Amino acid sequence: MQLGFSLLVTAGVFASLMGCRHDLRPRLILQGEPVGDEFWLAAPYIAAVTIANSNLDGPAQPIFEGGPKTLQLMKFVANVDNVIKGDLRSKTITFYFFAKLDQNPNYYLYPGRRYIVSLRHEGGVLRSWTDATQLKVEVHSGLHRQQDLPLDLGPGTAIAYILLTPGRDCDLSEFEANIRWPSSYGEPGYVSERLRELQLNANPGIRDSACLAAARMFGHRPGCLEAASKSSDENIRQAAAGFLNGADDADLLGRLRNNPLSILPVQSGNYMLQMLDIYAQDVRPEVRRAACTSLRNLAPQRSVASCK
């Protein structure tokens, strides 16, 4: 039976019977500290795992000498579904994490669920890359073949592939409800490509949810919205109609024409061209024209089918 985090941390009588690893020291990242995605991807090991079980490891500890006992060392056992970075040869791993008991939200990993985690070595054991807060990206897309991951494009893109590609044992209804782009894993062009692939899926719910996700993520109106506005699902139908009937964004047009860099989720020239490619596929003619004009000015050699 799966135990919740609150139940686990109150089980002090059992914790006192477990051997605490006193040689481990917390590396704290507190909730809200702006470390950025590059920090999490800098870990020596990144993997998609399924948590098999978890236990307290020793009693709660103070965050500073004489302070309140708000740190609890957790021991996780996980099955490695995919290795994204590093050399994790074992199919089953054990790693440790100091949970901060008074932090909300908590970063506990629940048995039976899949996550992307980042890890390191300390004291001869695997540890979460940081404590109190850890990389905890939930995976709702099932299992993926290791050889299918685009590892040559970097760990961020591999994470985007896993999250946006239905795999084996995928619960399609769960996947449909969780199509999103967490933070900025993967470049905009790649994420847009994965979403367009999902818009061709045989499952209408996945097709329409991917369409709405593209509209939300990139702030534009993809051509699939017209079909989504006729969905049998009332929530999808209303959301698609909301995008289609929303007021035209004069500010967006101004930025596309005069300051394309301002539309970026990340300040990068390479990403700017990718975002302009996305806006060049907008259903609004004026948005397409503005994006195409900026593309011709910035990268005249770039060939974009929708700008011809």
C-alpha atoms as a PDB file:
ATOM      1  CA  MET A   1       0.000   0.000   0.000  1.00  0.00           C
ATOM      2  CA  GLN A   2       1.455   3.384  -0.998  1.00  0.00           C
ATOM      3  CA  LEU A   3       2.153   5.695   1.934  1.00  0.00           C
ATOM      4  CA  GLY A   4       1.910   9.460   1.604  1.00  0.00           C
ATOM      5  CA  PHE A   5       4.723  11.799   2.579  1.00  0.00           C
ATOM      6  CA  SER A   6       2.922  13.123   5.656  1.00  0.00           C
ATOM      7  CA  LEU A   7       2.416   9.581   6.952  1.00  0.00           C
ATOM      8  CA  LEU A   8       6.033   8.642   6.346  1.00  0.00           C
ATOM      9  CA  VAL A   9       7.505  11.606   8.171  1.00  0.00           C
ATOM     10  CA  THR A  10       5.399  10.948  11.272  1.00  0.00           C
ATOM     11  CA  ALA A  11       6.588   7.362  11.553  1.00  0.00           C
ATOM     12  CA  GLY A  12       9.403   8.286  13.942  1.00  0.00           C
ATOM     13  CA  VAL A  13       9.249   5.009  15.830  1.00  0.00           C
ATOM     14  CA  PHE A  14      10.227   3.124  12.681  1.00  0.00           C
ATOM     15  CA  ALA A  15      12.845   5.702  11.716  1.00  0.00           C
ATOM     16  CA  SER A  16      14.667   5.177  14.990  1.00  0.00           C
ATOM     17  CA  LEU A  17      15.180   1.528  14.031  1.00  0.00           C
ATOM     18  CA  MET A  18      16.859   2.399  10.718  1.00  0.00           C
ATOM     19  CA  GLY A  19      20.558   3.096  10.296  1.00  0.00           C
ATOM     20  CA  CYS A  20      21.065   6.786   9.522  1.00  0.00           C
ATOM     21  CA  ARG A  21      23.873   7.588   7.106  1.00  0.00           C
ATOM     22  CA  HIS A  22      25.654  10.203   9.243  1.00  0.00           C
ATOM     23  CA  ASP A  23      28.366  10.668   6.591  1.00  0.00           C
ATOM     24  CA  LEU A  24      25.914  12.413   4.223  1.00  0.00           C
ATOM     25  CA  ARG A  25      25.573  16.172   4.381  1.00  0.00           C
ATOM     26  CA  PRO A  26      22.687  18.190   2.915  1.00  0.00           C
ATOM     27  CA  ARG A  27      23.187  20.420  -0.113  1.00  0.00           C
ATOM     28  CA  LEU A  28      20.180  22.673   0.297  1.00  0.00           C
ATOM     29  CA  ILE A  29      18.279  24.471  -2.442  1.00  0.00           C
ATOM     30  CA  LEU A  30      15.259  26.070  -0.837  1.00  0.00           C
ATOM     31  CA  GLN A  31      11.908  26.498  -2.540  1.00  0.00           C
ATOM     32  CA  GLY A  32      11.914  29.515  -4.848  1.00  0.00           C
ATOM     33  CA  GLU A  33      15.688  29.856  -5.253  1.00  0.00           C
ATOM     34  CA  PRO A  34      16.175  30.754  -8.945  1.00  0.00           C
ATOM     35  CA  VAL A  35      18.808  28.233 -10.007  1.00  0.00           C
ATOM     36  CA  GLY A  36      17.477  27.705 -13.556  1.00  0.00           C
ATOM     37  CA  ASP A  37      17.233  24.631 -15.761  1.00  0.00           C
ATOM     38  CA  GLU A  38      20.927  24.606 -16.678  1.00  0.00           C
ATOM     39  CA  PHE A  39      21.720  23.975 -13.009  1.00  0.00           C
ATOM     40  CA  TRP A  40      19.594  20.811 -12.885  1.00  0.00           C
ATOM     41  CA  LEU A  41      20.985  19.580 -16.208  1.00  0.00           C
ATOM     42  CA  ALA A  42      24.560  20.025 -14.930  1.00  0.00           C
ATOM     43  CA  ALA A  43      24.197  16.988 -12.647  1.00  0.00           C
ATOM     44  CA  PRO A  44      26.526  14.097 -13.557  1.00  0.00           C
ATOM     45  CA  TYR A  45      23.582  11.673 -13.761  1.00  0.00           C
ATOM     46  CA  ILE A  46      20.090  12.306 -15.121  1.00  0.00           C
ATOM     47  CA  ALA A  47      17.580   9.496 -15.541  1.00  0.00           C
ATOM     48  CA  ALA A  48      13.933   8.636 -15.994  1.00  0.00           C
ATOM     49  CA  VAL A  49      13.050   6.324 -13.125  1.00  0.00           C
ATOM     50  CA  THR A  50      10.103   4.542 -11.557  1.00  0.00           C
ATOM     51  CA  ILE A  51      10.188   4.763  -7.764  1.00  0.00           C
ATOM     52  CA  ALA A  52       9.913   1.245  -6.314  1.00  0.00           C
ATOM     53  CA  ASN A  53       9.895   2.135  -2.616  1.00  0.00           C
ATOM     54  CA  SER A  54      11.013   4.735  -0.125  1.00  0.00           C
ATOM     55  CA  ASN A  55      11.913   4.807   3.552  1.00  0.00           C
ATOM     56  CA  LEU A  56      13.058   7.198   6.218  1.00  0.00           C
ATOM     57  CA  ASP A  57      16.759   6.790   6.977  1.00  0.00           C
ATOM     58  CA  GLY A  58      17.337   7.706  10.615  1.00  0.00           C
ATOM     59  CA  PRO A  59      15.686  10.435  12.674  1.00  0.00           C
ATOM     60  CA  ALA A  60      14.993  13.999  11.597  1.00  0.00           C
ATOM     61  CA  GLN A  61      17.969  16.361  11.811  1.00  0.00           C
ATOM     62  CA  PRO A  62      18.296  20.111  12.478  1.00  0.00           C
ATOM     63  CA  ILE A  63      18.949  22.425   9.551  1.00  0.00           C
ATOM     64  CA  PHE A  64      21.571  24.149  11.772  1.00  0.00           C
ATOM     65  CA  GLU A  65      23.072  23.283  15.151  1.00  0.00           C
ATOM     66  CA  GLY A  66      20.443  23.680  17.821  1.00  0.00           C
ATOM     67  CA  GLY A  67      17.765  24.497  15.277  1.00  0.00           C
ATOM     68  CA  PRO A  68      14.443  22.755  14.599  1.00  0.00           C
ATOM     69  CA  LYS A  69      14.682  19.222  13.269  1.00  0.00           C
ATOM     70  CA  THR A  70      13.246  19.854   9.811  1.00  0.00           C
ATOM     71  CA  LEU A  71      15.538  17.699   7.639  1.00  0.00           C
ATOM     72  CA  GLN A  72      14.704  14.052   7.042  1.00  0.00           C
ATOM     73  CA  LEU A  73      17.010  11.778   5.080  1.00  0.00           C
ATOM     74  CA  MET A  74      15.009   9.639   2.634  1.00  0.00           C
ATOM     75  CA  LYS A  75      16.158   6.468   0.924  1.00  0.00           C
ATOM     76  CA  PHE A  76      14.655   5.760  -2.501  1.00  0.00           C
ATOM     77  CA  VAL A  77      14.909   2.574  -4.517  1.00  0.00           C
ATOM     78  CA  ALA A  78      14.111   3.089  -8.199  1.00  0.00           C
ATOM     79  CA  ASN A  79      14.031   1.184 -11.463  1.00  0.00           C
ATOM     80  CA  VAL A  80      15.953   3.013 -14.187  1.00  0.00           C
ATOM     81  CA  ASP A  81      13.721   3.381 -17.240  1.00  0.00           C
ATOM     82  CA  ASN A  82      16.100   5.550 -19.288  1.00  0.00           C
ATOM     83  CA  VAL A  83      19.573   6.967 -18.766  1.00  0.00           C
ATOM     84  CA  ILE A  84      19.651  10.551 -20.023  1.00  0.00           C
ATOM     85  CA  LYS A  85      23.110  11.543 -18.805  1.00  0.00           C
ATOM     86  CA  GLY A  86      25.988   9.704 -17.143  1.00  0.00           C
ATOM     87  CA  ASP A  87      26.832   6.034 -16.788  1.00  0.00           C
ATOM     88  CA  LEU A  88      24.174   4.344 -14.680  1.00  0.00           C
ATOM     89  CA  ARG A  89      24.719   0.697 -15.528  1.00  0.00           C
ATOM     90  CA  SER A  90      22.409  -0.846 -12.958  1.00  0.00           C
ATOM     91  CA  LYS A  91      18.725  -1.260 -13.749  1.00  0.00           C
ATOM     92  CA  THR A  92      17.900  -0.708 -10.082  1.00  0.00           C
ATOM     93  CA  ILE A  93      19.444   2.108  -8.062  1.00  0.00           C
ATOM     94  CA  THR A  94      19.285   3.393  -4.495  1.00  0.00           C
ATOM     95  CA  PHE A  95      19.693   7.099  -3.803  1.00  0.00           C
ATOM     96  CA  TYR A  96      19.275   9.475  -0.873  1.00  0.00           C
ATOM     97  CA  PHE A  97      17.597  12.853  -0.462  1.00  0.00           C
ATOM     98  CA  PHE A  98      17.196  15.199   2.505  1.00  0.00           C
ATOM     99  CA  ALA A  99      13.567  16.311   2.569  1.00  0.00           C
ATOM    100  CA  LYS A 100      12.758  19.601   4.314  1.00  0.00           C
ATOM    101  CA  LEU A 101       9.708  18.752   6.369  1.00  0.00           C
ATOM    102  CA  ASP A 102       8.308  22.272   6.645  1.00  0.00           C
ATOM    103  CA  GLN A 103       8.707  23.162   2.957  1.00  0.00           C
ATOM    104  CA  ASN A 104       5.603  23.468   0.780  1.00  0.00           C
ATOM    105  CA  PRO A 105       5.435  22.048  -1.778  1.00  0.00           C
ATOM    106  CA  ASN A 106       7.567  19.109  -0.745  1.00  0.00           C
ATOM    107  CA  TYR A 107       9.793  17.274  -3.189  1.00  0.00           C
ATOM    108  CA  TYR A 108       9.044  13.735  -2.087  1.00  0.00           C
ATOM    109  CA  LEU A 109       8.979  11.057  -4.812  1.00  0.00           C
ATOM    110  CA  TYR A 110       6.052   8.657  -4.595  1.00  0.00           C
ATOM    111  CA  PRO A 111       6.402   4.886  -5.124  1.00  0.00           C
ATOM    112  CA  GLY A 112       4.824   3.673  -8.341  1.00  0.00           C
ATOM    113  CA  ARG A 113       5.291   6.989 -10.151  1.00  0.00           C
ATOM    114  CA  ARG A 114       7.785   7.915 -12.845  1.00  0.00           C
ATOM    115  CA  TYR A 115      10.073  10.943 -12.643  1.00  0.00           C
ATOM    116  CA  ILE A 116      13.061  12.594 -14.242  1.00  0.00           C
ATOM    117  CA  VAL A 117      15.711  12.926 -11.512  1.00  0.00           C
ATOM    118  CA  SER A 118      19.244  14.335 -11.336  1.00  0.00           C
ATOM    119  CA  LEU A 119      21.827  12.563  -9.192  1.00  0.00           C
ATOM    120  CA  ARG A 120      25.406  12.701  -7.928  1.00  0.00           C
ATOM    121  CA  HIS A 121      27.778  10.570  -5.860  1.00  0.00           C
ATOM    122  CA  GLU A 122      28.637  11.306  -2.237  1.00  0.00           C
ATOM    123  CA  GLY A 123      30.144   9.045   0.405  1.00  0.00           C
ATOM    124  CA  GLY A 124      30.044   6.042  -1.900  1.00  0.00           C
ATOM    125  CA  VAL A 125      26.307   6.286  -2.587  1.00  0.00           C
ATOM    126  CA  LEU A 126      24.029   8.024  -5.072  1.00  0.00           C
ATOM    127  CA  ARG A 127      22.428  11.248  -3.897  1.00  0.00           C
ATOM    128  CA  SER A 128      19.936  13.674  -5.329  1.00  0.00           C
ATOM    129  CA  TRP A 129      21.780  16.542  -7.037  1.00  0.00           C
ATOM    130  CA  THR A 130      20.412  18.832  -4.276  1.00  0.00           C
ATOM    131  CA  ASP A 131      18.363  18.527  -1.101  1.00  0.00           C
ATOM    132  CA  ALA A 132      15.131  20.148   0.129  1.00  0.00           C
ATOM    133  CA  THR A 133      14.380  20.880  -3.539  1.00  0.00           C
ATOM    134  CA  GLN A 134      15.268  18.379  -6.241  1.00  0.00           C
ATOM    135  CA  LEU A 135      14.567  17.818  -9.915  1.00  0.00           C
ATOM    136  CA  LYS A 136      11.137  16.199  -9.852  1.00  0.00           C
ATOM    137  CA  VAL A 137       9.646  16.160 -13.345  1.00  0.00           C
ATOM    138  CA  GLU A 138       6.737  13.716 -13.473  1.00  0.00           C
ATOM    139  CA  VAL A 139       6.572  11.400 -16.490  1.00  0.00           C
ATOM    140  CA  HIS A 140       3.083  10.528 -17.772  1.00  0.00           C
ATOM    141  CA  SER A 141       4.096   9.079 -21.139  1.00  0.00           C
ATOM    142  CA  GLY A 142       5.016   5.497 -20.277  1.00  0.00           C
ATOM    143  CA  LEU A 143       8.256   3.670 -21.083  1.00  0.00           C
ATOM    144  CA  HIS A 144      10.596   4.546 -23.963  1.00  0.00           C
ATOM    145  CA  ARG A 145      13.301   2.609 -25.737  1.00  0.00           C
ATOM    146  CA  GLN A 146      16.743   3.868 -24.791  1.00  0.00           C
ATOM    147  CA  GLN A 147      17.871   3.899 -28.427  1.00  0.00           C
ATOM    148  CA  ASP A 148      15.033   6.272 -29.394  1.00  0.00           C
ATOM    149  CA  LEU A 149      16.161   9.102 -27.109  1.00  0.00           C
ATOM    150  CA  PRO A 150      17.821  12.035 -28.956  1.00  0.00           C
ATOM    151  CA  LEU A 151      20.790  12.045 -26.581  1.00  0.00           C
ATOM    152  CA  ASP A 152      23.002  13.720 -29.165  1.00  0.00           C
ATOM    153  CA  LEU A 153      20.831  16.858 -28.822  1.00  0.00           C
ATOM    154  CA  GLY A 154      21.502  17.153 -25.088  1.00  0.00           C
ATOM    155  CA  PRO A 155      19.681  16.124 -21.890  1.00  0.00           C
ATOM    156  CA  GLY A 156      17.071  18.905 -22.126  1.00  0.00           C
ATOM    157  CA  THR A 157      15.914  17.691 -25.526  1.00  0.00           C
ATOM    158  CA  ALA A 158      15.903  14.072 -24.348  1.00  0.00           C
ATOM    159  CA  ILE A 159      13.627  15.098 -21.468  1.00  0.00           C
ATOM    160  CA  ALA A 160      11.308  16.892 -23.909  1.00  0.00           C
ATOM    161  CA  TYR A 161      11.187  13.747 -26.071  1.00  0.00           C
ATOM    162  CA  ILE A 162      10.222  11.562 -23.107  1.00  0.00           C
ATOM    163  CA  LEU A 163       7.532  13.944 -21.863  1.00  0.00           C
ATOM    164  CA  LEU A 164       5.990  14.585 -25.288  1.00  0.00           C
ATOM    165  CA  THR A 165       6.121  11.085 -26.810  1.00  0.00           C
ATOM    166  CA  PRO A 166       3.646   8.338 -25.837  1.00  0.00           C
ATOM    167  CA  GLY A 167       5.640   5.210 -25.042  1.00  0.00           C
ATOM    168  CA  ARG A 168       4.946   1.627 -24.082  1.00  0.00           C
ATOM    169  CA  ASP A 169       2.490   1.156 -21.223  1.00  0.00           C
ATOM    170  CA  CYS A 170       1.252   4.737 -21.686  1.00  0.00           C
ATOM    171  CA  ASP A 171      -2.082   5.640 -20.122  1.00  0.00           C
ATOM    172  CA  LEU A 172      -3.388   7.806 -22.968  1.00  0.00           C
ATOM    173  CA  SER A 173      -5.946   9.648 -20.848  1.00  0.00           C
ATOM    174  CA  GLU A 174      -3.270  10.515 -18.278  1.00  0.00           C
ATOM    175  CA  PHE A 175      -0.865  11.544 -21.034  1.00  0.00           C
ATOM    176  CA  GLU A 176      -3.504  13.719 -22.699  1.00  0.00           C
ATOM    177  CA  ALA A 177      -4.158  15.552 -19.433  1.00  0.00           C
ATOM    178  CA  ASN A 178      -0.448  16.286 -18.933  1.00  0.00           C
ATOM    179  CA  ILE A 179       0.811  17.492 -22.333  1.00  0.00           C
ATOM    180  CA  ARG A 180       2.914  20.481 -21.357  1.00  0.00           C
ATOM    181  CA  TRP A 181       6.397  21.905 -21.678  1.00  0.00           C
ATOM    182  CA  PRO A 182       7.946  22.016 -18.184  1.00  0.00           C
ATOM    183  CA  SER A 183      10.275  24.988 -17.870  1.00  0.00           C
ATOM    184  CA  SER A 184      12.299  25.097 -21.085  1.00  0.00           C
ATOM    185  CA  TYR A 185      13.600  21.562 -21.561  1.00  0.00           C
ATOM    186  CA  GLY A 186      14.306  21.225 -25.266  1.00  0.00           C
ATOM    187  CA  GLU A 187      14.549  24.063 -27.766  1.00  0.00           C
ATOM    188  CA  PRO A 188      11.308  25.705 -28.960  1.00  0.00           C
ATOM    189  CA  GLY A 189      11.708  24.334 -32.492  1.00  0.00           C
ATOM    190  CA  TYR A 190      12.084  20.769 -31.225  1.00  0.00           C
ATOM    191  CA  VAL A 191       9.158  21.053 -28.810  1.00  0.00           C
ATOM    192  CA  SER A 192       6.977  22.517 -31.565  1.00  0.00           C
ATOM    193  CA  GLU A 193       7.955  19.603 -33.810  1.00  0.00           C
ATOM    194  CA  ARG A 194       6.984  17.051 -31.141  1.00  0.00           C
ATOM    195  CA  LEU A 195       3.626  18.800 -30.639  1.00  0.00           C
ATOM    196  CA  ARG A 196       2.937  18.764 -34.391  1.00  0.00           C
ATOM    197  CA  GLU A 197       3.667  15.024 -34.340  1.00  0.00           C
ATOM    198  CA  LEU A 198       1.112  14.604 -31.552  1.00  0.00           C
ATOM    199  CA  GLN A 199      -1.418  16.566 -33.620  1.00  0.00           C
ATOM    200  CA  LEU A 200      -1.335  13.626 -36.067  1.00  0.00           C
ATOM    201  CA  ASN A 201      -2.042  11.038 -33.359  1.00  0.00           C
ATOM    202  CA  ALA A 202      -4.939   8.643 -33.935  1.00  0.00           C
ATOM    203  CA  ASN A 203      -6.388   9.592 -30.548  1.00  0.00           C
ATOM    204  CA  PRO A 204      -8.511  12.763 -30.993  1.00  0.00           C
ATOM    205  CA  GLY A 205      -8.018  13.795 -27.378  1.00  0.00           C
ATOM    206  CA  ILE A 206      -4.241  13.738 -27.762  1.00  0.00           C
ATOM    207  CA  ARG A 207      -4.463  15.605 -31.078  1.00  0.00           C
ATOM    208  CA  ASP A 208      -6.585  18.384 -29.609  1.00  0.00           C
ATOM    209  CA  SER A 209      -4.679  18.606 -26.312  1.00  0.00           C
ATOM    210  CA  ALA A 210      -1.381  18.926 -28.203  1.00  0.00           C
ATOM    211  CA  CYS A 211      -2.916  21.705 -30.294  1.00  0.00           C
ATOM    212  CA  LEU A 212      -4.006  23.635 -27.191  1.00  0.00           C
ATOM    213  CA  ALA A 213      -0.604  23.043 -25.576  1.00  0.00           C
ATOM    214  CA  ALA A 214       1.111  24.614 -28.621  1.00  0.00           C
ATOM    215  CA  ALA A 215      -1.187  27.633 -28.429  1.00  0.00           C
ATOM    216  CA  ARG A 216      -0.494  28.086 -24.710  1.00  0.00           C
ATOM    217  CA  MET A 217       3.246  27.456 -24.849  1.00  0.00           C
ATOM    218  CA  PHE A 218       4.081  29.737 -27.742  1.00  0.00           C
ATOM    219  CA  GLY A 219       1.303  32.314 -27.537  1.00  0.00           C
ATOM    220  CA  HIS A 220       0.201  31.849 -31.148  1.00  0.00           C
ATOM    221  CA  ARG A 221      -2.723  30.355 -33.082  1.00  0.00           C
ATOM    222  CA  PRO A 222      -1.774  27.097 -34.796  1.00  0.00           C
ATOM    223  CA  GLY A 223      -3.852  25.856 -37.722  1.00  0.00           C
ATOM    224  CA  CYS A 224      -5.159  22.894 -35.703  1.00  0.00           C
ATOM    225  CA  LEU A 225      -7.340  25.165 -33.541  1.00  0.00           C
ATOM    226  CA  GLU A 226     -10.193  25.118 -36.058  1.00  0.00           C
ATOM    227  CA  ALA A 227     -10.531  21.325 -35.776  1.00  0.00           C
ATOM    228  CA  ALA A 228     -10.126  21.460 -31.975  1.00  0.00           C
ATOM    229  CA  SER A 229     -12.961  24.007 -31.766  1.00  0.00           C
ATOM    230  CA  LYS A 230     -15.280  21.264 -33.107  1.00  0.00           C
ATOM    231  CA  SER A 231     -14.168  18.641 -30.561  1.00  0.00           C
ATOM    232  CA  SER A 232     -16.769  16.502 -28.817  1.00  0.00           C
ATOM    233  CA  ASP A 233     -15.051  17.447 -25.537  1.00  0.00           C
ATOM    234  CA  GLU A 234     -16.677  20.633 -24.290  1.00  0.00           C
ATOM    235  CA  ASN A 235     -13.584  21.809 -22.376  1.00  0.00           C
ATOM    236  CA  ILE A 236     -11.362  21.440 -25.447  1.00  0.00           C
ATOM    237  CA  ARG A 237     -13.989  23.037 -27.667  1.00  0.00           C
ATOM    238  CA  GLN A 238     -14.301  26.071 -25.403  1.00  0.00           C
ATOM    239  CA  ALA A 239     -10.543  26.464 -24.972  1.00  0.00           C
ATOM    240  CA  ALA A 240      -9.936  26.308 -28.727  1.00  0.00           C
ATOM    241  CA  ALA A 241     -12.734  28.808 -29.385  1.00  0.00           C
ATOM    242  CA  GLY A 242     -11.209  31.087 -26.774  1.00  0.00           C
ATOM    243  CA  PHE A 243      -7.902  31.143 -28.649  1.00  0.00           C
ATOM    244  CA  LEU A 244      -9.598  31.655 -32.012  1.00  0.00           C
ATOM    245  CA  ASN A 245     -11.916  34.404 -30.807  1.00  0.00           C
ATOM    246  CA  GLY A 246      -9.408  36.223 -28.630  1.00  0.00           C
ATOM    247  CA  ALA A 247      -8.536  39.809 -29.413  1.00  0.00           C
ATOM    248  CA  ASP A 248      -5.731  40.218 -31.915  1.00  0.00           C
ATOM    249  CA  ASP A 249      -2.500  41.031 -30.140  1.00  0.00           C
ATOM    250  CA  ALA A 250      -1.310  44.349 -31.536  1.00  0.00           C
ATOM    251  CA  ASP A 251       1.606  44.240 -29.103  1.00  0.00           C
ATOM    252  CA  LEU A 252       2.683  40.875 -30.551  1.00  0.00           C
ATOM    253  CA  LEU A 253       2.694  42.325 -34.065  1.00  0.00           C
ATOM    254  CA  GLY A 254       4.780  45.255 -32.901  1.00  0.00           C
ATOM    255  CA  ARG A 255       7.313  42.984 -31.244  1.00  0.00           C
ATOM    256  CA  LEU A 256       7.536  40.689 -34.265  1.00  0.00           C
ATOM    257  CA  ARG A 257       8.213  43.684 -36.501  1.00  0.00           C
ATOM    258  CA  ASN A 258      10.434  45.790 -34.277  1.00  0.00           C
ATOM    259  CA  ASN A 259      11.946  43.621 -31.534  1.00  0.00           C
ATOM    260  CA  PRO A 260      11.770  39.888 -32.320  1.00  0.00           C
ATOM    261  CA  LEU A 261      14.101  39.100 -29.416  1.00  0.00           C
ATOM    262  CA  SER A 262      11.296  40.046 -26.998  1.00  0.00           C
ATOM    263  CA  ILE A 263       9.181  37.015 -27.973  1.00  0.00           C
ATOM    264  CA  LEU A 264      11.757  34.517 -26.725  1.00  0.00           C
ATOM    265  CA  PRO A 265      11.407  32.207 -23.731  1.00  0.00           C
ATOM    266  CA  VAL A 266      15.238  32.205 -23.654  1.00  0.00           C
ATOM    267  CA  GLN A 267      17.478  35.043 -24.787  1.00  0.00           C
ATOM    268  CA  SER A 268      19.276  33.317 -27.647  1.00  0.00           C
ATOM    269  CA  GLY A 269      19.654  34.194 -31.304  1.00  0.00           C
ATOM    270  CA  ASN A 270      19.182  30.561 -32.337  1.00  0.00           C
ATOM    271  CA  TYR A 271      15.927  30.358 -30.402  1.00  0.00           C
ATOM    272  CA  MET A 272      14.748  33.627 -31.889  1.00  0.00           C
ATOM    273  CA  LEU A 273      14.767  32.141 -35.380  1.00  0.00           C
ATOM    274  CA  GLN A 274      12.961  29.048 -34.111  1.00  0.00           C
ATOM    275  CA  MET A 275      10.255  31.164 -32.511  1.00  0.00           C
ATOM    276  CA  LEU A 276       9.853  33.192 -35.697  1.00  0.00           C
ATOM    277  CA  ASP A 277       9.476  29.897 -37.604  1.00  0.00           C
ATOM    278  CA  ILE A 278       6.628  29.000 -35.234  1.00  0.00           C
ATOM    279  CA  TYR A 279       4.890  32.367 -35.674  1.00  0.00           C
ATOM    280  CA  ALA A 280       5.280  32.021 -39.442  1.00  0.00           C
ATOM    281  CA  GLN A 281       2.756  29.138 -39.156  1.00  0.00           C
ATOM    282  CA  ASP A 282       0.130  31.217 -37.301  1.00  0.00           C
ATOM    283  CA  VAL A 283      -3.377  31.221 -38.791  1.00  0.00           C
ATOM    284  CA  ARG A 284      -3.475  35.039 -38.756  1.00  0.00           C
ATOM    285  CA  PRO A 285      -2.094  36.404 -42.039  1.00  0.00           C
ATOM    286  CA  GLU A 286      -0.731  39.550 -40.434  1.00  0.00           C
ATOM    287  CA  VAL A 287       1.224  37.531 -37.832  1.00  0.00           C
ATOM    288  CA  ARG A 288       2.631  35.242 -40.537  1.00  0.00           C
ATOM    289  CA  ARG A 289       3.686  38.239 -42.631  1.00  0.00           C
ATOM    290  CA  ALA A 290       5.367  39.980 -39.685  1.00  0.00           C
ATOM    291  CA  ALA A 291       7.239  36.796 -38.704  1.00  0.00           C
ATOM    292  CA  CYS A 292       8.310  36.137 -42.299  1.00  0.00           C
ATOM    293  CA  THR A 293       9.515  39.700 -42.742  1.00  0.00           C
ATOM    294  CA  SER A 294      11.655  39.442 -39.613  1.00  0.00           C
ATOM    295  CA  LEU A 295      13.013  36.080 -40.773  1.00  0.00           C
ATOM    296  CA  ARG A 296      14.002  37.514 -44.154  1.00  0.00           C
ATOM    297  CA  ASN A 297      15.710  40.447 -42.478  1.00  0.00           C
ATOM    298  CA  LEU A 298      17.556  38.389 -39.881  1.00  0.00           C
ATOM    299  CA  ALA A 299      18.315  35.205 -41.829  1.00  0.00           C
ATOM    300  CA  PRO A 300      17.757  35.730 -45.571  1.00  0.00           C
ATOM    301  CA  GLN A 301      19.283  32.343 -46.317  1.00  0.00           C
ATOM    302  CA  ARG A 302      16.743  30.512 -44.092  1.00  0.00           C
ATOM    303  CA  SER A 303      14.085  28.595 -46.011  1.00  0.00           C
ATOM    304  CA  VAL A 304      10.652  28.486 -44.339  1.00  0.00           C
ATOM    305  CA  ALA A 305       7.876  26.777 -46.298  1.00  0.00           C
ATOM    306  CA  SER A 306       5.110  28.944 -44.820  1.00  0.00           C
ATOM    307  CA  CYS A 307       6.915  32.142 -45.921  1.00  0.00           C
ATOM    308  CA  LYS A 308       7.015  31.292 -49.631  1.00  0.00           C
END
